C-alpha atoms as a PDB file:
ATOM      1  CA  UNK A   1     -17.172  19.626  11.045  1.00  0.00           C
ATOM      2  CA  UNK A   2     -18.417  20.049   7.459  1.00  0.00           C
ATOM      3  CA  UNK A   3     -16.173  23.058   6.922  1.00  0.00           C
ATOM      4  CA  UNK A   4     -13.229  21.146   8.345  1.00  0.00           C
ATOM      5  CA  UNK A   5     -13.843  18.185   6.020  1.00  0.00           C
ATOM      6  CA  UNK A   6     -14.117  20.429   2.966  1.00  0.00           C
ATOM      7  CA  UNK A   7     -10.888  22.187   3.893  1.00  0.00           C
ATOM      8  CA  UNK A   8      -9.056  18.889   4.383  1.00  0.00           C
ATOM      9  CA  UNK A   9     -10.344  17.518   1.066  1.00  0.00           C
ATOM     10  CA  UNK A  10      -9.162  20.615  -0.797  1.00  0.00           C
ATOM     11  CA  UNK A  11      -5.740  20.404   0.858  1.00  0.00           C
ATOM     12  CA  UNK A  12      -5.587  16.674   0.092  1.00  0.00           C
ATOM     13  CA  UNK A  13      -6.403  17.352  -3.575  1.00  0.00           C
ATOM     14  CA  UNK A  14      -3.611  19.884  -3.992  1.00  0.00           C
ATOM     15  CA  UNK A  15      -1.173  17.729  -2.014  1.00  0.00           C
ATOM     16  CA  UNK A  16      -1.896  14.733  -4.216  1.00  0.00           C
ATOM     17  CA  UNK A  17      -1.613  16.860  -7.353  1.00  0.00           C
ATOM     18  CA  UNK A  18       1.807  18.177  -6.290  1.00  0.00           C
ATOM     19  CA  UNK A  19       3.095  14.671  -5.500  1.00  0.00           C
ATOM     20  CA  UNK A  20       1.898  13.197  -8.803  1.00  0.00           C
ATOM     21  CA  UNK A  21       3.215  16.195 -10.731  1.00  0.00           C
ATOM     22  CA  UNK A  22       6.687  15.796  -9.257  1.00  0.00           C
ATOM     23  CA  UNK A  23       6.663  12.029  -9.929  1.00  0.00           C
ATOM     24  CA  UNK A  24       5.490  12.543 -13.520  1.00  0.00           C
ATOM     25  CA  UNK A  25       8.087  15.196 -14.345  1.00  0.00           C
ATOM     26  CA  UNK A  26      10.970  13.263 -12.766  1.00  0.00           C
ATOM     27  CA  UNK A  27       9.990   9.996 -14.459  1.00  0.00           C
ATOM     28  CA  UNK A  28       9.462  11.567 -17.862  1.00  0.00           C
ATOM     29  CA  UNK A  29      12.771  13.410 -17.615  1.00  0.00           C
ATOM     30  CA  UNK A  30      14.628  10.094 -17.633  1.00  0.00           C
ATOM     31  CA  UNK A  31      15.759   8.541 -20.945  1.00  0.00           C
ATOM     32  CA  UNK A  32      12.862   6.838 -22.700  1.00  0.00           C
ATOM     33  CA  UNK A  33      12.956   3.050 -22.898  1.00  0.00           C
ATOM     34  CA  UNK A  34      11.618   1.295 -25.944  1.00  0.00           C
ATOM     35  CA  UNK A  35       8.542  -0.898 -25.460  1.00  0.00           C
ATOM     36  CA  UNK A  36       8.994  -4.634 -25.657  1.00  0.00           C
ATOM     37  CA  UNK A  37       7.324  -6.892 -28.194  1.00  0.00           C
ATOM     38  CA  UNK A  38       7.142  -7.258 -31.951  1.00  0.00           C
ATOM     39  CA  UNK A  39       7.319  -4.331 -34.359  1.00  0.00           C
ATOM     40  CA  UNK A  40       3.533  -4.478 -34.697  1.00  0.00           C
ATOM     41  CA  UNK A  41       3.081  -4.284 -30.914  1.00  0.00           C
ATOM     42  CA  UNK A  42       5.586  -1.433 -30.674  1.00  0.00           C
ATOM     43  CA  UNK A  43       3.847   0.478 -33.456  1.00  0.00           C
ATOM     44  CA  UNK A  44       0.488  -0.043 -31.746  1.00  0.00           C
ATOM     45  CA  UNK A  45       1.864   1.263 -28.445  1.00  0.00           C
ATOM     46  CA  UNK A  46       3.417   4.341 -30.052  1.00  0.00           C
ATOM     47  CA  UNK A  47       0.156   5.076 -31.877  1.00  0.00           C
ATOM     48  CA  UNK A  48      -1.687   5.162 -28.554  1.00  0.00           C
ATOM     49  CA  UNK A  49       0.992   7.486 -27.149  1.00  0.00           C
ATOM     50  CA  UNK A  50       0.629   9.722 -30.210  1.00  0.00           C
ATOM     51  CA  UNK A  51      -3.135   9.856 -29.714  1.00  0.00           C
ATOM     52  CA  UNK A  52      -2.559  10.945 -26.116  1.00  0.00           C
ATOM     53  CA  UNK A  53      -0.175  13.688 -27.188  1.00  0.00           C
ATOM     54  CA  UNK A  54       3.052  12.284 -25.718  1.00  0.00           C
ATOM     55  CA  UNK A  55       4.839  11.279 -28.943  1.00  0.00           C
ATOM     56  CA  UNK A  56       5.148  12.504 -32.525  1.00  0.00           C
ATOM     57  CA  UNK A  57       6.243  10.420 -35.515  1.00  0.00           C
ATOM     58  CA  UNK A  58       7.895  11.036 -38.840  1.00  0.00           C
ATOM     59  CA  UNK A  59       8.722   8.980 -41.904  1.00  0.00           C
ATOM     60  CA  UNK A  60      12.123  10.685 -42.072  1.00  0.00           C
ATOM     61  CA  UNK A  61      14.819  11.146 -39.461  1.00  0.00           C
ATOM     62  CA  UNK A  62      14.523  14.772 -38.356  1.00  0.00           C
ATOM     63  CA  UNK A  63      17.890  16.503 -38.151  1.00  0.00           C
ATOM     64  CA  UNK A  64      18.638  17.868 -34.681  1.00  0.00           C
ATOM     65  CA  UNK A  65      16.161  15.564 -32.913  1.00  0.00           C
ATOM     66  CA  UNK A  66      16.962  12.197 -31.366  1.00  0.00           C
ATOM     67  CA  UNK A  67      14.478   9.461 -32.186  1.00  0.00           C
ATOM     68  CA  UNK A  68      13.521   7.401 -29.151  1.00  0.00           C
ATOM     69  CA  UNK A  69      12.521   4.445 -31.311  1.00  0.00           C
ATOM     70  CA  UNK A  70      12.471   3.322 -34.940  1.00  0.00           C
ATOM     71  CA  UNK A  71       9.928   0.786 -36.175  1.00  0.00           C
ATOM     72  CA  UNK A  72      10.085  -0.849 -39.578  1.00  0.00           C
ATOM     73  CA  UNK A  73       6.807  -1.104 -41.467  1.00  0.00           C
ATOM     74  CA  UNK A  74       5.829  -2.154 -44.995  1.00  0.00           C
ATOM     75  CA  UNK A  75       6.102   1.488 -46.069  1.00  0.00           C
ATOM     76  CA  UNK A  76       9.571   1.912 -44.545  1.00  0.00           C
ATOM     77  CA  UNK A  77      11.015   3.072 -41.239  1.00  0.00           C
ATOM     78  CA  UNK A  78       8.964   5.245 -38.874  1.00  0.00           C
ATOM     79  CA  UNK A  79      10.768   7.480 -36.364  1.00  0.00           C
ATOM     80  CA  UNK A  80       9.215   8.407 -33.013  1.00  0.00           C
ATOM     81  CA  UNK A  81      10.119  11.526 -31.018  1.00  0.00           C
ATOM     82  CA  UNK A  82       9.156  12.579 -27.498  1.00  0.00           C
ATOM     83  CA  UNK A  83       7.395  15.928 -27.057  1.00  0.00           C
ATOM     84  CA  UNK A  84       8.589  18.269 -24.239  1.00  0.00           C
ATOM     85  CA  UNK A  85       7.931  16.983 -20.731  1.00  0.00           C
ATOM     86  CA  UNK A  86       5.639  19.828 -19.653  1.00  0.00           C
ATOM     87  CA  UNK A  87       3.566  19.423 -22.804  1.00  0.00           C
ATOM     88  CA  UNK A  88       3.215  15.743 -21.952  1.00  0.00           C
ATOM     89  CA  UNK A  89       2.194  16.668 -18.416  1.00  0.00           C
ATOM     90  CA  UNK A  90      -0.665  18.939 -19.498  1.00  0.00           C
ATOM     91  CA  UNK A  91      -1.839  16.332 -21.991  1.00  0.00           C
ATOM     92  CA  UNK A  92      -1.681  13.711 -19.243  1.00  0.00           C
ATOM     93  CA  UNK A  93      -3.841  15.808 -16.920  1.00  0.00           C
ATOM     94  CA  UNK A  94      -6.243  16.599 -19.776  1.00  0.00           C
ATOM     95  CA  UNK A  95      -6.654  12.941 -20.722  1.00  0.00           C
ATOM     96  CA  UNK A  96      -7.369  11.977 -17.123  1.00  0.00           C
ATOM     97  CA  UNK A  97      -9.877  14.751 -16.473  1.00  0.00           C
ATOM     98  CA  UNK A  98     -11.735  14.492 -19.793  1.00  0.00           C
ATOM     99  CA  UNK A  99     -11.476  10.785 -20.659  1.00  0.00           C
ATOM    100  CA  UNK A 100     -10.244   9.124 -17.468  1.00  0.00           C
ATOM    101  CA  UNK A 101      -7.487   7.738 -19.680  1.00  0.00           C
ATOM    102  CA  UNK A 102      -4.326   6.727 -17.802  1.00  0.00           C
ATOM    103  CA  UNK A 103      -2.667   5.054 -20.769  1.00  0.00           C
ATOM    104  CA  UNK A 104      -1.514   1.526 -21.545  1.00  0.00           C
ATOM    105  CA  UNK A 105       1.364  -0.630 -20.337  1.00  0.00           C
ATOM    106  CA  UNK A 106       4.704  -0.348 -22.093  1.00  0.00           C
ATOM    107  CA  UNK A 107       6.574  -3.327 -20.637  1.00  0.00           C
ATOM    108  CA  UNK A 108       4.577  -5.347 -18.083  1.00  0.00           C
ATOM    109  CA  UNK A 109       1.673  -6.188 -20.417  1.00  0.00           C
ATOM    110  CA  UNK A 110       2.187  -4.171 -23.569  1.00  0.00           C
ATOM    111  CA  UNK A 111      -0.834  -2.337 -25.002  1.00  0.00           C
ATOM    112  CA  UNK A 112      -3.052  -3.423 -22.095  1.00  0.00           C
ATOM    113  CA  UNK A 113      -4.958  -0.676 -20.313  1.00  0.00           C
ATOM    114  CA  UNK A 114      -3.399   0.134 -16.944  1.00  0.00           C
ATOM    115  CA  UNK A 115      -6.882   0.115 -15.432  1.00  0.00           C
ATOM    116  CA  UNK A 116      -7.303  -3.499 -16.497  1.00  0.00           C
ATOM    117  CA  UNK A 117      -3.926  -4.420 -15.001  1.00  0.00           C
ATOM    118  CA  UNK A 118      -4.815  -2.768 -11.682  1.00  0.00           C
ATOM    119  CA  UNK A 119      -8.186  -4.554 -11.542  1.00  0.00           C
ATOM    120  CA  UNK A 120      -6.502  -7.929 -12.001  1.00  0.00           C
ATOM    121  CA  UNK A 121      -3.759  -7.269  -9.417  1.00  0.00           C
ATOM    122  CA  UNK A 122      -5.638  -5.484  -6.646  1.00  0.00           C
ATOM    123  CA  UNK A 123      -7.817  -8.436  -5.479  1.00  0.00           C
ATOM    124  CA  UNK A 124      -4.709 -10.479  -4.593  1.00  0.00           C
ATOM    125  CA  UNK A 125      -3.379  -7.752  -2.288  1.00  0.00           C
ATOM    126  CA  UNK A 126      -6.784  -7.231  -0.697  1.00  0.00           C
ATOM    127  CA  UNK A 127      -7.315 -10.926   0.058  1.00  0.00           C
ATOM    128  CA  UNK A 128      -3.833 -11.436   1.519  1.00  0.00           C
ATOM    129  CA  UNK A 129      -4.045  -8.344   3.696  1.00  0.00           C
ATOM    130  CA  UNK A 130      -7.629  -9.082   4.746  1.00  0.00           C
ATOM    131  CA  UNK A 131      -6.571 -12.368   6.347  1.00  0.00           C
ATOM    132  CA  UNK A 132      -3.492 -10.764   7.859  1.00  0.00           C
ATOM    133  CA  UNK A 133      -5.627  -7.994   9.364  1.00  0.00           C
ATOM    134  CA  UNK A 134      -8.236 -10.389  10.773  1.00  0.00           C
ATOM    135  CA  UNK A 135      -5.431 -12.201  12.579  1.00  0.00           C
ATOM    136  CA  UNK A 136      -3.111  -9.352  13.601  1.00  0.00           C
ATOM    137  CA  UNK A 137      -5.561  -6.737  14.916  1.00  0.00           C
ATOM    138  CA  UNK A 138      -7.359  -8.813  17.589  1.00  0.00           C
ATOM    139  CA  UNK A 139      -4.221 -10.728  18.581  1.00  0.00           C
ATOM    140  CA  UNK A 140      -2.137  -7.565  18.774  1.00  0.00           C
ATOM    141  CA  UNK A 141      -4.666  -5.789  20.971  1.00  0.00           C
ATOM    142  CA  UNK A 142      -5.072  -8.831  23.221  1.00  0.00           C
ATOM    143  CA  UNK A 143      -1.308  -9.223  23.596  1.00  0.00           C
ATOM    144  CA  UNK A 144      -0.994  -5.545  24.479  1.00  0.00           C
ATOM    145  CA  UNK A 145      -3.799  -5.752  27.054  1.00  0.00           C
ATOM    146  CA  UNK A 146      -2.281  -8.864  28.598  1.00  0.00           C
ATOM    147  CA  UNK A 147       1.135  -7.213  28.891  1.00  0.00           C
ATOM    148  CA  UNK A 148      -0.381  -4.049  30.411  1.00  0.00           C
ATOM    149  CA  UNK A 149      -2.348  -6.019  33.002  1.00  0.00           C
ATOM    150  CA  UNK A 150       0.864  -7.843  33.964  1.00  0.00           C
ATOM    151  CA  UNK A 151       2.982  -4.697  34.014  1.00  0.00           C
ATOM    152  CA  UNK A 152       6.411  -5.073  35.678  1.00  0.00           C
ATOM    153  CA  UNK A 153       5.895  -8.809  36.099  1.00  0.00           C
ATOM    154  CA  UNK A 154       7.750 -11.682  34.364  1.00  0.00           C
ATOM    155  CA  UNK A 155       4.889 -12.113  31.881  1.00  0.00           C
ATOM    156  CA  UNK A 156       5.197  -8.484  30.835  1.00  0.00           C
ATOM    157  CA  UNK A 157       8.959  -8.817  30.406  1.00  0.00           C
ATOM    158  CA  UNK A 158       8.620 -11.940  28.266  1.00  0.00           C
ATOM    159  CA  UNK A 159       5.914 -10.401  26.059  1.00  0.00           C
ATOM    160  CA  UNK A 160       7.842  -7.144  25.675  1.00  0.00           C
ATOM    161  CA  UNK A 161      11.007  -9.013  24.715  1.00  0.00           C
ATOM    162  CA  UNK A 162       9.176 -11.073  22.088  1.00  0.00           C
ATOM    163  CA  UNK A 163       7.550  -7.906  20.721  1.00  0.00           C
ATOM    164  CA  UNK A 164      10.915  -6.162  20.392  1.00  0.00           C
ATOM    165  CA  UNK A 165      12.390  -9.181  18.582  1.00  0.00           C
ATOM    166  CA  UNK A 166       9.593  -9.413  16.029  1.00  0.00           C
ATOM    167  CA  UNK A 167       9.480  -5.661  15.446  1.00  0.00           C
ATOM    168  CA  UNK A 168      13.224  -5.694  14.806  1.00  0.00           C
ATOM    169  CA  UNK A 169      13.108  -8.556  12.299  1.00  0.00           C
ATOM    170  CA  UNK A 170      12.589  -7.237   8.717  1.00  0.00           C
ATOM    171  CA  UNK A 171       9.768  -8.814   6.758  1.00  0.00           C
ATOM    172  CA  UNK A 172      12.104 -10.169   4.053  1.00  0.00           C
ATOM    173  CA  UNK A 173      14.124 -11.979   6.734  1.00  0.00           C
ATOM    174  CA  UNK A 174      10.988 -13.477   8.273  1.00  0.00           C
ATOM    175  CA  UNK A 175       9.538 -14.704   4.990  1.00  0.00           C
ATOM    176  CA  UNK A 176      12.926 -16.148   3.989  1.00  0.00           C
ATOM    177  CA  UNK A 177      13.063 -17.964   7.334  1.00  0.00           C
ATOM    178  CA  UNK A 178       9.541 -19.336   6.801  1.00  0.00           C
ATOM    179  CA  UNK A 179      10.384 -20.468   3.272  1.00  0.00           C
ATOM    180  CA  UNK A 180      13.482 -22.275   4.541  1.00  0.00           C
ATOM    181  CA  UNK A 181      11.555 -24.118   7.265  1.00  0.00           C
ATOM    182  CA  UNK A 182       8.348 -25.039   5.436  1.00  0.00           C
ATOM    183  CA  UNK A 183       9.507 -25.296   1.823  1.00  0.00           C
ATOM    184  CA  UNK A 184      13.209 -26.152   1.579  1.00  0.00           C
ATOM    185  CA  UNK A 185      13.948 -28.194   4.699  1.00  0.00           C
ATOM    186  CA  UNK A 186      13.568 -31.569   3.003  1.00  0.00           C
ATOM    187  CA  UNK A 187       9.779 -31.814   3.149  1.00  0.00           C
ATOM    188  CA  UNK A 188       7.807 -29.257   1.194  1.00  0.00           C
ATOM    189  CA  UNK A 189       4.959 -28.631   3.618  1.00  0.00           C
ATOM    190  CA  UNK A 190       3.842 -25.371   2.002  1.00  0.00           C
ATOM    191  CA  UNK A 191       4.147 -24.014  -1.558  1.00  0.00           C
ATOM    192  CA  UNK A 192       7.470 -22.166  -2.102  1.00  0.00           C
ATOM    193  CA  UNK A 193       5.716 -19.531  -4.197  1.00  0.00           C
ATOM    194  CA  UNK A 194       2.213 -18.255  -4.891  1.00  0.00           C
ATOM    195  CA  UNK A 195       0.152 -21.040  -6.545  1.00  0.00           C
ATOM    196  CA  UNK A 196      -1.048 -20.379 -10.090  1.00  0.00           C
ATOM    197  CA  UNK A 197      -4.686 -20.403 -11.153  1.00  0.00           C
ATOM    198  CA  UNK A 198      -4.598 -24.066 -12.212  1.00  0.00           C
ATOM    199  CA  UNK A 199      -3.362 -25.340  -8.816  1.00  0.00           C
ATOM    200  CA  UNK A 200      -5.556 -27.546  -6.646  1.00  0.00           C
ATOM    201  CA  UNK A 201      -7.759 -25.911  -4.003  1.00  0.00           C
ATOM    202  CA  UNK A 202      -5.776 -27.244  -1.040  1.00  0.00           C
ATOM    203  CA  UNK A 203      -2.528 -25.864  -2.529  1.00  0.00           C
ATOM    204  CA  UNK A 204      -4.177 -22.472  -3.064  1.00  0.00           C
ATOM    205  CA  UNK A 205      -5.318 -22.434   0.573  1.00  0.00           C
ATOM    206  CA  UNK A 206      -1.858 -23.421   1.851  1.00  0.00           C
ATOM    207  CA  UNK A 207      -0.392 -20.703  -0.363  1.00  0.00           C
ATOM    208  CA  UNK A 208      -1.885 -18.098   1.956  1.00  0.00           C
ATOM    209  CA  UNK A 209      -0.096 -19.346   5.076  1.00  0.00           C
ATOM    210  CA  UNK A 210       3.436 -17.998   4.551  1.00  0.00           C
ATOM    211  CA  UNK A 211       2.509 -14.492   3.303  1.00  0.00           C
ATOM    212  CA  UNK A 212      -0.214 -14.092   5.945  1.00  0.00           C
ATOM    213  CA  UNK A 213       2.157 -15.110   8.750  1.00  0.00           C
ATOM    214  CA  UNK A 214       4.924 -12.827   7.470  1.00  0.00           C
ATOM    215  CA  UNK A 215       2.494  -9.898   7.325  1.00  0.00           C
ATOM    216  CA  UNK A 216       0.800 -10.681  10.647  1.00  0.00           C
ATOM    217  CA  UNK A 217       3.780 -11.182  12.963  1.00  0.00           C
ATOM    218  CA  UNK A 218       5.166  -7.660  12.667  1.00  0.00           C
ATOM    219  CA  UNK A 219       1.697  -6.127  12.896  1.00  0.00           C
ATOM    220  CA  UNK A 220       0.832  -8.143  16.009  1.00  0.00           C
ATOM    221  CA  UNK A 221       4.032  -6.936  17.667  1.00  0.00           C
ATOM    222  CA  UNK A 222       3.378  -3.330  16.648  1.00  0.00           C
ATOM    223  CA  UNK A 223      -0.239  -3.320  17.804  1.00  0.00           C
ATOM    224  CA  UNK A 224       0.758  -5.076  21.025  1.00  0.00           C
ATOM    225  CA  UNK A 225       3.431  -2.509  21.876  1.00  0.00           C
ATOM    226  CA  UNK A 226       1.138   0.430  21.098  1.00  0.00           C
ATOM    227  CA  UNK A 227      -1.771  -1.041  23.070  1.00  0.00           C
ATOM    228  CA  UNK A 228       0.419  -1.813  26.084  1.00  0.00           C
ATOM    229  CA  UNK A 229       1.881   1.712  26.131  1.00  0.00           C
ATOM    230  CA  UNK A 230      -1.499   3.433  25.883  1.00  0.00           C
ATOM    231  CA  UNK A 231      -3.222   1.169  28.416  1.00  0.00           C
ATOM    232  CA  UNK A 232      -0.387   1.502  30.936  1.00  0.00           C
ATOM    233  CA  UNK A 233      -0.583   5.269  30.592  1.00  0.00           C
ATOM    234  CA  UNK A 234      -4.340   5.263  31.179  1.00  0.00           C
ATOM    235  CA  UNK A 235      -4.116   2.847  34.111  1.00  0.00           C
ATOM    236  CA  UNK A 236      -1.710   5.187  35.904  1.00  0.00           C
ATOM    237  CA  UNK A 237      -3.922   8.255  35.394  1.00  0.00           C
ATOM    238  CA  UNK A 238      -5.626  10.101  38.229  1.00  0.00           C
ATOM    239  CA  UNK A 239      -9.185   9.608  37.007  1.00  0.00           C
ATOM    240  CA  UNK A 240      -8.752   5.829  37.075  1.00  0.00           C
ATOM    241  CA  UNK A 241      -7.454   6.099  40.648  1.00  0.00           C
ATOM    242  CA  UNK A 242     -10.561   8.164  41.454  1.00  0.00           C
ATOM    243  CA  UNK A 243     -12.744   5.427  39.964  1.00  0.00           C
ATOM    244  CA  UNK A 244     -11.058   2.883  42.223  1.00  0.00           C
ATOM    245  CA  UNK A 245     -11.596   5.070  45.302  1.00  0.00           C
ATOM    246  CA  UNK A 246     -15.299   5.264  44.477  1.00  0.00           C
ATOM    247  CA  UNK A 247     -15.622   1.519  44.895  1.00  0.00           C
ATOM    248  CA  UNK A 248     -14.923   0.022  41.474  1.00  0.00           C
ATOM    249  CA  UNK A 249     -12.793  -3.082  41.381  1.00  0.00           C
ATOM    250  CA  UNK A 250      -9.649  -3.145  39.263  1.00  0.00           C
ATOM    251  CA  UNK A 251     -11.401  -5.180  36.572  1.00  0.00           C
ATOM    252  CA  UNK A 252     -14.433  -2.872  36.505  1.00  0.00           C
ATOM    253  CA  UNK A 253     -12.249   0.237  36.258  1.00  0.00           C
ATOM    254  CA  UNK A 254     -10.267  -1.263  33.408  1.00  0.00           C
ATOM    255  CA  UNK A 255     -13.325  -2.462  31.460  1.00  0.00           C
ATOM    256  CA  UNK A 256     -15.432   0.672  31.935  1.00  0.00           C
ATOM    257  CA  UNK A 257     -12.801   3.378  31.691  1.00  0.00           C
ATOM    258  CA  UNK A 258      -9.245   2.292  30.880  1.00  0.00           C
ATOM    259  CA  UNK A 259      -9.893   0.206  27.771  1.00  0.00           C
ATOM    260  CA  UNK A 260     -12.292   2.704  26.230  1.00  0.00           C
ATOM    261  CA  UNK A 261      -9.950   5.640  26.702  1.00  0.00           C
ATOM    262  CA  UNK A 262      -6.911   3.680  25.567  1.00  0.00           C
ATOM    263  CA  UNK A 263      -8.677   2.779  22.304  1.00  0.00           C
ATOM    264  CA  UNK A 264      -9.032   6.453  21.318  1.00  0.00           C
ATOM    265  CA  UNK A 265      -5.505   6.704  19.822  1.00  0.00           C
ATOM    266  CA  UNK A 266      -5.177   2.987  19.028  1.00  0.00           C
ATOM    267  CA  UNK A 267      -8.131   2.313  16.716  1.00  0.00           C
ATOM    268  CA  UNK A 268      -7.583   5.269  14.349  1.00  0.00           C
ATOM    269  CA  UNK A 269      -3.941   4.252  13.930  1.00  0.00           C
ATOM    270  CA  UNK A 270      -4.999   0.709  13.092  1.00  0.00           C
ATOM    271  CA  UNK A 271      -7.577   2.005  10.598  1.00  0.00           C
ATOM    272  CA  UNK A 272      -4.962   4.159   8.820  1.00  0.00           C
ATOM    273  CA  UNK A 273      -2.449   1.315   8.573  1.00  0.00           C
ATOM    274  CA  UNK A 274      -5.014  -1.225   7.409  1.00  0.00           C
ATOM    275  CA  UNK A 275      -6.409   1.048   4.687  1.00  0.00           C
ATOM    276  CA  UNK A 276      -2.948   1.841   3.382  1.00  0.00           C
ATOM    277  CA  UNK A 277      -1.808  -1.781   3.296  1.00  0.00           C
ATOM    278  CA  UNK A 278      -5.047  -3.018   1.723  1.00  0.00           C
ATOM    279  CA  UNK A 279      -4.617  -0.861  -1.357  1.00  0.00           C
ATOM    280  CA  UNK A 280      -0.863  -0.357  -1.384  1.00  0.00           C
ATOM    281  CA  UNK A 281      -0.032  -3.998  -0.885  1.00  0.00           C
ATOM    282  CA  UNK A 282       3.090  -5.419   0.750  1.00  0.00           C
ATOM    283  CA  UNK A 283       5.892  -4.887  -1.758  1.00  0.00           C
ATOM    284  CA  UNK A 284       8.575  -7.090  -0.191  1.00  0.00           C
ATOM    285  CA  UNK A 285       6.301  -9.991   0.707  1.00  0.00           C
ATOM    286  CA  UNK A 286       4.521  -9.992  -2.644  1.00  0.00           C
ATOM    287  CA  UNK A 287       7.774  -9.776  -4.575  1.00  0.00           C
ATOM    288  CA  UNK A 288       9.560 -12.556  -2.655  1.00  0.00           C
ATOM    289  CA  UNK A 289       6.549 -14.886  -2.746  1.00  0.00           C
ATOM    290  CA  UNK A 290       5.676 -13.957  -6.374  1.00  0.00           C
ATOM    291  CA  UNK A 291       2.193 -12.793  -5.415  1.00  0.00           C
ATOM    292  CA  UNK A 292       0.706 -10.963  -8.438  1.00  0.00           C
ATOM    293  CA  UNK A 293      -0.579  -8.091  -6.292  1.00  0.00           C
ATOM    294  CA  UNK A 294      -0.385  -4.324  -6.361  1.00  0.00           C
ATOM    295  CA  UNK A 295       2.793  -4.266  -4.268  1.00  0.00           C
ATOM    296  CA  UNK A 296       4.824  -6.429  -6.654  1.00  0.00           C
ATOM    297  CA  UNK A 297       3.300  -4.498  -9.567  1.00  0.00           C
ATOM    298  CA  UNK A 298       4.735  -1.287  -8.097  1.00  0.00           C
ATOM    299  CA  UNK A 299       8.205  -2.857  -7.946  1.00  0.00           C
ATOM    300  CA  UNK A 300       7.907  -4.230 -11.491  1.00  0.00           C
ATOM    301  CA  UNK A 301       6.770  -0.849 -12.822  1.00  0.00           C
ATOM    302  CA  UNK A 302       9.853   0.835 -11.353  1.00  0.00           C
ATOM    303  CA  UNK A 303      12.282  -1.865 -12.505  1.00  0.00           C
ATOM    304  CA  UNK A 304      10.917  -1.916 -16.065  1.00  0.00           C
ATOM    305  CA  UNK A 305      10.273   1.865 -16.243  1.00  0.00           C
ATOM    306  CA  UNK A 306       6.658   1.236 -17.197  1.00  0.00           C
ATOM    307  CA  UNK A 307       5.641   4.771 -16.281  1.00  0.00           C
ATOM    308  CA  UNK A 308       1.934   4.604 -17.114  1.00  0.00           C
ATOM    309  CA  UNK A 309       1.509   1.704 -14.693  1.00  0.00           C
ATOM    310  CA  UNK A 310       3.646   3.437 -12.070  1.00  0.00           C
ATOM    311  CA  UNK A 311       1.580   6.638 -12.254  1.00  0.00           C
ATOM    312  CA  UNK A 312      -1.666   4.773 -11.603  1.00  0.00           C
ATOM    313  CA  UNK A 313      -0.253   2.795  -8.679  1.00  0.00           C
ATOM    314  CA  UNK A 314       1.216   5.992  -7.231  1.00  0.00           C
ATOM    315  CA  UNK A 315      -2.097   7.807  -7.689  1.00  0.00           C
ATOM    316  CA  UNK A 316      -3.968   5.061  -5.832  1.00  0.00           C
ATOM    317  CA  UNK A 317      -1.481   5.042  -2.963  1.00  0.00           C
ATOM    318  CA  UNK A 318      -1.424   8.835  -2.672  1.00  0.00           C
ATOM    319  CA  UNK A 319      -5.218   9.176  -2.711  1.00  0.00           C
ATOM    320  CA  UNK A 320      -5.726   6.362  -0.210  1.00  0.00           C
ATOM    321  CA  UNK A 321      -2.975   7.713   2.049  1.00  0.00           C
ATOM    322  CA  UNK A 322      -4.443  11.227   2.092  1.00  0.00           C
ATOM    323  CA  UNK A 323      -8.029  10.052   2.559  1.00  0.00           C
ATOM    324  CA  UNK A 324      -7.033   7.653   5.331  1.00  0.00           C
ATOM    325  CA  UNK A 325      -5.508  10.607   7.203  1.00  0.00           C
ATOM    326  CA  UNK A 326      -8.835  12.441   6.989  1.00  0.00           C
ATOM    327  CA  UNK A 327     -10.747   9.329   8.061  1.00  0.00           C
ATOM    328  CA  UNK A 328      -8.436   8.895  11.050  1.00  0.00           C
ATOM    329  CA  UNK A 329      -8.986  12.484  12.174  1.00  0.00           C
ATOM    330  CA  UNK A 330     -12.756  12.111  11.880  1.00  0.00           C
ATOM    331  CA  UNK A 331     -12.755   8.744  13.642  1.00  0.00           C
ATOM    332  CA  UNK A 332     -11.482  10.366  16.838  1.00  0.00           C
ATOM    333  CA  UNK A 333     -14.801  12.162  17.130  1.00  0.00           C
ATOM    334  CA  UNK A 334     -16.816   8.982  16.646  1.00  0.00           C
ATOM    335  CA  UNK A 335     -14.766   7.055  19.215  1.00  0.00           C
ATOM    336  CA  UNK A 336     -14.741   9.890  21.761  1.00  0.00           C
ATOM    337  CA  UNK A 337     -17.693  12.329  21.428  1.00  0.00           C
ATOM    338  CA  UNK A 338     -15.703  14.952  23.343  1.00  0.00           C
ATOM    339  CA  UNK A 339     -13.387  15.313  20.332  1.00  0.00           C
ATOM    340  CA  UNK A 340     -14.701  17.319  17.416  1.00  0.00           C
ATOM    341  CA  UNK A 341     -12.204  18.069  14.669  1.00  0.00           C
ATOM    342  CA  UNK A 342     -12.497  21.616  13.371  1.00  0.00           C
ATOM    343  CA  UNK A 343     -14.635  22.831  16.264  1.00  0.00           C
ATOM    344  CA  UNK A 344     -14.112  26.307  17.681  1.00  0.00           C
ATOM    345  CA  UNK A 345     -12.311  26.672  20.977  1.00  0.00           C
END
C-alpha cells in the first residue's frame, strides 16, 4: 500500500506539473493586457513583475521590440517589455519553489497578493458547499434506497422520473427559476443576490437558501440515481439470494449485506465530488448569484486575463482533483477490507 501511494503521488506531481505548464505557456502566449489603475499603481505592478523576472523596463523605446505598456513618471516615460515565455516559465517555477511567490493581481485587485485574494474568497465557497453537501448527501442516498426498495412499482417510477428531470435541468436554469419565484415575482421573499457584509443577520441567512437549493437539487438527483442503480444490482445478486435462503428476512438481508456492499462504489464517488466542489466552487451559481467565492473568481480571472490569479486557482483545482482521486482509491480499502490497492495478485 505504501509503495502504491508513493507511486500515485509521484504520478500526480508530474501530471499536475504538465497541466500547469501547458496553462502557463498558453496564457502567456496571448497578447499582454495592461493592468488597470493609476500610473502609480501600474508602475508598482510592473516593478513586482520585474522583480519576479517576467518583465524588463527601459527609459527609451527599444527599436525592434514592442512595448506592452508605457507609464509616465516624473523622470519621463518608462517602457515595459515582456521577456520570452519560456524564460518567464522557469522564473515562475523558481519563485514558487524558493519563495512560494505566486505573484500579485493585475486586474481583479491590483497589486494584492494572489494568496490574500484566495484566502478571502475560499471561505465563501466552502460554507455554501458545506450546507449543500449536508443536505444533498443524506437525502440523495435515502431517495436512492427508497426507489430501490420500491423497484418496478409506481413509487420507483415517480422517483426515477423526478430524478431524470432534475438531472437534465442545468444549474443556471434552476437558479434563474428560483430567482424569478422568490425574488422577482412581486414579493421579494429572498435576497436577489449575495448579501454584503453590512447586511442584517436574517438577510445573510436567507442569502444561503437559493444557492444551497440550486447546488443541492442536482446532487440529490445524481446521488439518488447512483444509489438506486447500485442497490438494485446488489439486491439481485446471488449471494443476497443465498442469505434469504438461510433464513434472513428481506429487511435483514438488505441492512446486513445489500446496503454495505452497495456503499462500496457510492461513498468514494461522493467523497471525490464533495472535495472537488468544496475547493473548486460552483462557477455558474456563484457568478449568477454574485457570491464572492473561488468559482466566480475563476471566471473573473479568465474574463479579465488576470493570469497570476488564474494560475493559483488552477493549481488548487488540479492538486485537489489529483489528490481526491488518490483518496478515493484508498477509501475502497477502508470501506471494504477485501480491497487493497496496489496489492500483489
